[in-house]
Amino acid sequence: MSSFAFYSFGILENIKIKVKALDEIYNGKALYREYIATRGEDR
């Protein structure tokens, strides 16, 4: 039982890490788009 709990906890942590990484990538792209848009307006 305890090994199963430890196993599922490991999976959950893995998912959290992946979600966080995806979130950072998405936020980076959003910031990049904003930067491009504001640069375009300056011209």
PDB file of N, CA and C in Angstrom:
ATOM      1  N   MET A   1       0.825  -1.197   0.000  1.00  0.00           N
ATOM      2  CA  MET A   1       0.000   0.000   0.000  1.00  0.00           C
ATOM      3  C   MET A   1       0.868   1.259   0.000  1.00  0.00           C
ATOM      4  N   SER A   2       1.865   1.291   0.883  1.00  0.00           N
ATOM      5  CA  SER A   2       2.697   2.490   0.972  1.00  0.00           C
ATOM      6  C   SER A   2       3.512   2.699  -0.314  1.00  0.00           C
ATOM      7  N   SER A   3       3.934   1.587  -0.944  1.00  0.00           N
ATOM      8  CA  SER A   3       4.688   1.726  -2.189  1.00  0.00           C
ATOM      9  C   SER A   3       3.796   2.293  -3.288  1.00  0.00           C
ATOM     10  N   PHE A   4       2.508   1.908  -3.274  1.00  0.00           N
ATOM     11  CA  PHE A   4       1.568   2.438  -4.260  1.00  0.00           C
ATOM     12  C   PHE A   4       1.370   3.940  -4.054  1.00  0.00           C
ATOM     13  N   ALA A   5       1.221   4.347  -2.784  1.00  0.00           N
ATOM     14  CA  ALA A   5       1.042   5.767  -2.464  1.00  0.00           C
ATOM     15  C   ALA A   5       2.269   6.558  -2.904  1.00  0.00           C
ATOM     16  N   PHE A   6       3.440   6.006  -2.639  1.00  0.00           N
ATOM     17  CA  PHE A   6       4.681   6.670  -3.030  1.00  0.00           C
ATOM     18  C   PHE A   6       4.752   6.789  -4.550  1.00  0.00           C
ATOM     19  N   TYR A   7       4.334   5.717  -5.250  1.00  0.00           N
ATOM     20  CA  TYR A   7       4.346   5.690  -6.715  1.00  0.00           C
ATOM     21  C   TYR A   7       3.419   6.760  -7.285  1.00  0.00           C
ATOM     22  N   SER A   8       2.180   6.839  -6.768  1.00  0.00           N
ATOM     23  CA  SER A   8       1.248   7.837  -7.294  1.00  0.00           C
ATOM     24  C   SER A   8       1.707   9.244  -6.953  1.00  0.00           C
ATOM     25  N   PHE A   9       2.331   9.417  -5.796  1.00  0.00           N
ATOM     26  CA  PHE A   9       2.855  10.732  -5.429  1.00  0.00           C
ATOM     27  C   PHE A   9       3.932  11.153  -6.428  1.00  0.00           C
ATOM     28  N   GLY A  10       4.780  10.192  -6.811  1.00  0.00           N
ATOM     29  CA  GLY A  10       5.825  10.470  -7.794  1.00  0.00           C
ATOM     30  C   GLY A  10       5.232  10.893  -9.127  1.00  0.00           C
ATOM     31  N   ILE A  11       4.166  10.218  -9.559  1.00  0.00           N
ATOM     32  CA  ILE A  11       3.498  10.565 -10.815  1.00  0.00           C
ATOM     33  C   ILE A  11       2.908  11.970 -10.727  1.00  0.00           C
ATOM     34  N   LEU A  12       2.251  12.263  -9.609  1.00  0.00           N
ATOM     35  CA  LEU A  12       1.663  13.595  -9.428  1.00  0.00           C
ATOM     36  C   LEU A  12       2.728  14.679  -9.492  1.00  0.00           C
ATOM     37  N   GLU A  13       3.849  14.455  -8.833  1.00  0.00           N
ATOM     38  CA  GLU A  13       4.938  15.434  -8.849  1.00  0.00           C
ATOM     39  C   GLU A  13       5.443  15.626 -10.274  1.00  0.00           C
ATOM     40  N   ASN A  14       5.566  14.523 -11.011  1.00  0.00           N
ATOM     41  CA  ASN A  14       6.022  14.571 -12.393  1.00  0.00           C
ATOM     42  C   ASN A  14       5.069  15.409 -13.238  1.00  0.00           C
ATOM     43  N   ILE A  15       3.765  15.206 -13.063  1.00  0.00           N
ATOM     44  CA  ILE A  15       2.756  15.965 -13.806  1.00  0.00           C
ATOM     45  C   ILE A  15       2.857  17.448 -13.455  1.00  0.00           C
ATOM     46  N   LYS A  16       3.001  17.739 -12.162  1.00  0.00           N
ATOM     47  CA  LYS A  16       3.115  19.139 -11.717  1.00  0.00           C
ATOM     48  C   LYS A  16       4.298  19.822 -12.382  1.00  0.00           C
ATOM     49  N   ILE A  17       5.432  19.122 -12.439  1.00  0.00           N
ATOM     50  CA  ILE A  17       6.641  19.687 -13.048  1.00  0.00           C
ATOM     51  C   ILE A  17       6.399  19.957 -14.534  1.00  0.00           C
ATOM     52  N   LYS A  18       5.766  18.997 -15.224  1.00  0.00           N
ATOM     53  CA  LYS A  18       5.488  19.168 -16.655  1.00  0.00           C
ATOM     54  C   LYS A  18       4.538  20.331 -16.890  1.00  0.00           C
ATOM     55  N   VAL A  19       3.496  20.424 -16.069  1.00  0.00           N
ATOM     56  CA  VAL A  19       2.524  21.508 -16.217  1.00  0.00           C
ATOM     57  C   VAL A  19       3.208  22.853 -15.994  1.00  0.00           C
ATOM     58  N   LYS A  20       4.065  22.916 -14.992  1.00  0.00           N
ATOM     59  CA  LYS A  20       4.778  24.167 -14.698  1.00  0.00           C
ATOM     60  C   LYS A  20       5.663  24.561 -15.876  1.00  0.00           C
ATOM     61  N   ALA A  21       6.342  23.580 -16.458  1.00  0.00           N
ATOM     62  CA  ALA A  21       7.212  23.850 -17.597  1.00  0.00           C
ATOM     63  C   ALA A  21       6.398  24.350 -18.784  1.00  0.00           C
ATOM     64  N   LEU A  22       5.273  23.691 -19.064  1.00  0.00           N
ATOM     65  CA  LEU A  22       4.405  24.121 -20.155  1.00  0.00           C
ATOM     66  C   LEU A  22       3.896  25.531 -19.911  1.00  0.00           C
ATOM     67  N   ASP A  23       3.523  25.816 -18.665  1.00  0.00           N
ATOM     68  CA  ASP A  23       3.035  27.131 -18.289  1.00  0.00           C
ATOM     69  C   ASP A  23       4.096  28.191 -18.550  1.00  0.00           C
ATOM     70  N   GLU A  24       5.334  27.902 -18.192  1.00  0.00           N
ATOM     71  CA  GLU A  24       6.425  28.854 -18.402  1.00  0.00           C
ATOM     72  C   GLU A  24       6.664  29.077 -19.885  1.00  0.00           C
ATOM     73  N   ILE A  25       6.592  28.006 -20.683  1.00  0.00           N
ATOM     74  CA  ILE A  25       6.765  28.121 -22.129  1.00  0.00           C
ATOM     75  C   ILE A  25       5.647  28.989 -22.707  1.00  0.00           C
ATOM     76  N   TYR A  26       4.401  28.722 -22.283  1.00  0.00           N
ATOM     77  CA  TYR A  26       3.258  29.483 -22.777  1.00  0.00           C
ATOM     78  C   TYR A  26       3.382  30.954 -22.405  1.00  0.00           C
ATOM     79  N   ASN A  27       3.735  31.236 -21.151  1.00  0.00           N
ATOM     80  CA  ASN A  27       3.900  32.618 -20.702  1.00  0.00           C
ATOM     81  C   ASN A  27       5.005  33.309 -21.485  1.00  0.00           C
ATOM     82  N   GLY A  28       6.076  32.585 -21.756  1.00  0.00           N
ATOM     83  CA  GLY A  28       7.177  33.137 -22.541  1.00  0.00           C
ATOM     84  C   GLY A  28       6.716  33.506 -23.940  1.00  0.00           C
ATOM     85  N   LYS A  29       5.919  32.656 -24.578  1.00  0.00           N
ATOM     86  CA  LYS A  29       5.403  32.936 -25.916  1.00  0.00           C
ATOM     87  C   LYS A  29       4.475  34.137 -25.895  1.00  0.00           C
ATOM     88  N   ALA A  30       3.625  34.217 -24.857  1.00  0.00           N
ATOM     89  CA  ALA A  30       2.691  35.336 -24.739  1.00  0.00           C
ATOM     90  C   ALA A  30       3.466  36.641 -24.596  1.00  0.00           C
ATOM     91  N   LEU A  31       4.490  36.643 -23.751  1.00  0.00           N
ATOM     92  CA  LEU A  31       5.313  37.843 -23.571  1.00  0.00           C
ATOM     93  C   LEU A  31       6.011  38.204 -24.876  1.00  0.00           C
ATOM     94  N   TYR A  32       6.488  37.204 -25.592  1.00  0.00           N
ATOM     95  CA  TYR A  32       7.177  37.435 -26.860  1.00  0.00           C
ATOM     96  C   TYR A  32       6.226  38.077 -27.873  1.00  0.00           C
ATOM     97  N   ARG A  33       4.988  37.561 -27.946  1.00  0.00           N
ATOM     98  CA  ARG A  33       3.993  38.134 -28.859  1.00  0.00           C
ATOM     99  C   ARG A  33       3.707  39.588 -28.503  1.00  0.00           C
ATOM    100  N   GLU A  34       3.573  39.849 -27.199  1.00  0.00           N
ATOM    101  CA  GLU A  34       3.313  41.210 -26.737  1.00  0.00           C
ATOM    102  C   GLU A  34       4.460  42.128 -27.145  1.00  0.00           C
ATOM    103  N   TYR A  35       5.672  41.635 -26.977  1.00  0.00           N
ATOM    104  CA  TYR A  35       6.870  42.402 -27.318  1.00  0.00           C
ATOM    105  C   TYR A  35       6.881  42.722 -28.809  1.00  0.00           C
ATOM    106  N   ILE A  36       6.583  41.730 -29.639  1.00  0.00           N
ATOM    107  CA  ILE A  36       6.535  41.925 -31.092  1.00  0.00           C
ATOM    108  C   ILE A  36       5.450  42.947 -31.448  1.00  0.00           C
ATOM    109  N   ALA A  37       4.281  42.804 -30.817  1.00  0.00           N
ATOM    110  CA  ALA A  37       3.160  43.707 -31.091  1.00  0.00           C
ATOM    111  C   ALA A  37       3.519  45.147 -30.727  1.00  0.00           C
ATOM    112  N   THR A  38       4.121  45.350 -29.567  1.00  0.00           N
ATOM    113  CA  THR A  38       4.460  46.712 -29.152  1.00  0.00           C
ATOM    114  C   THR A  38       5.570  47.279 -30.027  1.00  0.00           C
ATOM    115  N   ARG A  39       6.479  46.446 -30.473  1.00  0.00           N
ATOM    116  CA  ARG A  39       7.539  46.917 -31.373  1.00  0.00           C
ATOM    117  C   ARG A  39       6.935  47.359 -32.695  1.00  0.00           C
ATOM    118  N   GLY A  40       5.942  46.602 -33.172  1.00  0.00           N
ATOM    119  CA  GLY A  40       5.280  46.946 -34.428  1.00  0.00           C
ATOM    120  C   GLY A  40       4.572  48.291 -34.341  1.00  0.00           C
ATOM    121  N   GLU A  41       3.990  48.586 -33.179  1.00  0.00           N
ATOM    122  CA  GLU A  41       3.272  49.843 -32.998  1.00  0.00           C
ATOM    123  C   GLU A  41       4.219  51.038 -32.978  1.00  0.00           C
ATOM    124  N   ASP A  42       5.447  50.825 -32.522  1.00  0.00           N
ATOM    125  CA  ASP A  42       6.401  51.928 -32.417  1.00  0.00           C
ATOM    126  C   ASP A  42       6.833  52.455 -33.782  1.00  0.00           C
ATOM    127  N   ARG A  43       6.791  51.602 -34.795  1.00  0.00           N
ATOM    128  CA  ARG A  43       7.282  52.013 -36.117  1.00  0.00           C
ATOM    129  C   ARG A  43       6.401  53.045 -36.774  1.00  0.00           C
TER     130      ARG A  43
END
